[in-house]
Amino acid sequence: MERKRYDLNFKKMVVTKGREIGNMTAVARQHELDPKMVLRWAKELKCTDLEQLDRTALKLVQVDSHVHKIG
């Protein structure tokens, strides 16, 4: 079974919802996610500047698409 990957915007949306209602576990269950994974996302996103993460993700996408165009 392949591991499912979630993009940064989805993670931010889930964590933001969890913070708004004050219950990460409930939000995780609404999205059929493991509550421990959502709590880990919240911890990771809290320790990192979200705006910087967005710029880094954008650069990776740009670099990746540039590589594909050249190759």
Protein backbone atom coordinates (compact mmCIF):
# COMPACT_ATOMS: atom_id res chain seq x y z
CA MET A 1 0.00 0.00 0.00
CA GLU A 2 1.37 3.38 -1.03
CA ARG A 3 1.75 6.15 1.49
CA LYS A 4 -0.57 9.07 0.85
CA ARG A 5 1.01 12.52 0.67
CA TYR A 6 -0.78 15.76 1.44
CA ASP A 7 0.17 19.15 0.06
CA LEU A 8 1.05 22.07 2.29
CA ASN A 9 -2.18 23.98 1.63
CA PHE A 10 -4.30 21.00 2.72
CA LYS A 11 -2.23 20.59 5.90
CA LYS A 12 -2.57 24.29 6.69
CA MET A 13 -6.33 24.17 6.11
CA VAL A 14 -6.80 21.19 8.42
CA VAL A 15 -4.57 22.65 11.15
CA THR A 16 -6.25 26.06 10.90
CA LYS A 17 -9.70 24.46 11.27
CA GLY A 18 -8.46 22.48 14.26
CA ARG A 19 -7.09 25.60 15.92
CA GLU A 20 -10.29 27.55 15.24
CA ILE A 21 -12.56 25.01 16.92
CA GLY A 22 -9.93 23.93 19.44
CA ASN A 23 -10.11 20.24 18.57
CA MET A 24 -7.55 18.75 16.19
CA THR A 25 -8.87 15.21 16.70
CA ALA A 26 -12.40 16.13 15.57
CA VAL A 27 -11.09 17.85 12.44
CA ALA A 28 -8.83 14.87 11.70
CA ARG A 29 -11.80 12.52 11.91
CA GLN A 30 -13.90 14.80 9.68
CA HIS A 31 -11.24 14.39 6.99
CA GLU A 32 -10.66 10.69 7.73
CA LEU A 33 -7.11 11.36 8.89
CA ASP A 34 -5.10 9.93 11.75
CA PRO A 35 -5.36 12.42 14.65
CA LYS A 36 -1.70 11.84 15.55
CA MET A 37 -0.68 12.90 12.05
CA VAL A 38 -2.74 16.09 12.26
CA LEU A 39 -1.25 16.90 15.67
CA ARG A 40 2.22 16.39 14.17
CA TRP A 41 1.35 18.75 11.31
CA ALA A 42 0.18 21.36 13.84
CA LYS A 43 3.43 21.05 15.78
CA GLU A 44 5.53 21.29 12.60
CA LEU A 45 3.57 24.26 11.27
CA LYS A 46 3.76 26.04 14.62
CA CYS A 47 7.56 25.76 14.61
CA THR A 48 7.91 27.04 11.05
CA ASP A 49 7.06 30.31 9.40
CA LEU A 50 4.11 29.41 7.16
CA GLU A 51 4.84 32.18 4.68
CA GLN A 52 8.39 30.91 4.29
CA LEU A 53 7.07 27.38 3.75
CA ASP A 54 4.81 28.64 0.97
CA ARG A 55 7.69 30.37 -0.79
CA THR A 56 9.89 27.29 -0.44
CA ALA A 57 7.16 25.04 -1.82
CA LEU A 58 6.62 27.44 -4.73
CA LYS A 59 10.35 27.48 -5.53
CA LEU A 60 10.44 23.67 -5.49
CA VAL A 61 7.52 23.51 -7.92
CA GLN A 62 9.16 26.09 -10.20
CA VAL A 63 12.51 24.29 -10.12
CA ASP A 64 10.84 20.92 -10.68
CA SER A 65 8.81 22.15 -13.65
CA HIS A 66 11.89 23.87 -15.08
CA VAL A 67 13.84 20.61 -14.87
CA HIS A 68 11.05 18.74 -16.66
CA LYS A 69 10.92 21.31 -19.47
CA ILE A 70 14.66 21.08 -20.04
CA GLY A 71 14.90 17.28 -19.69
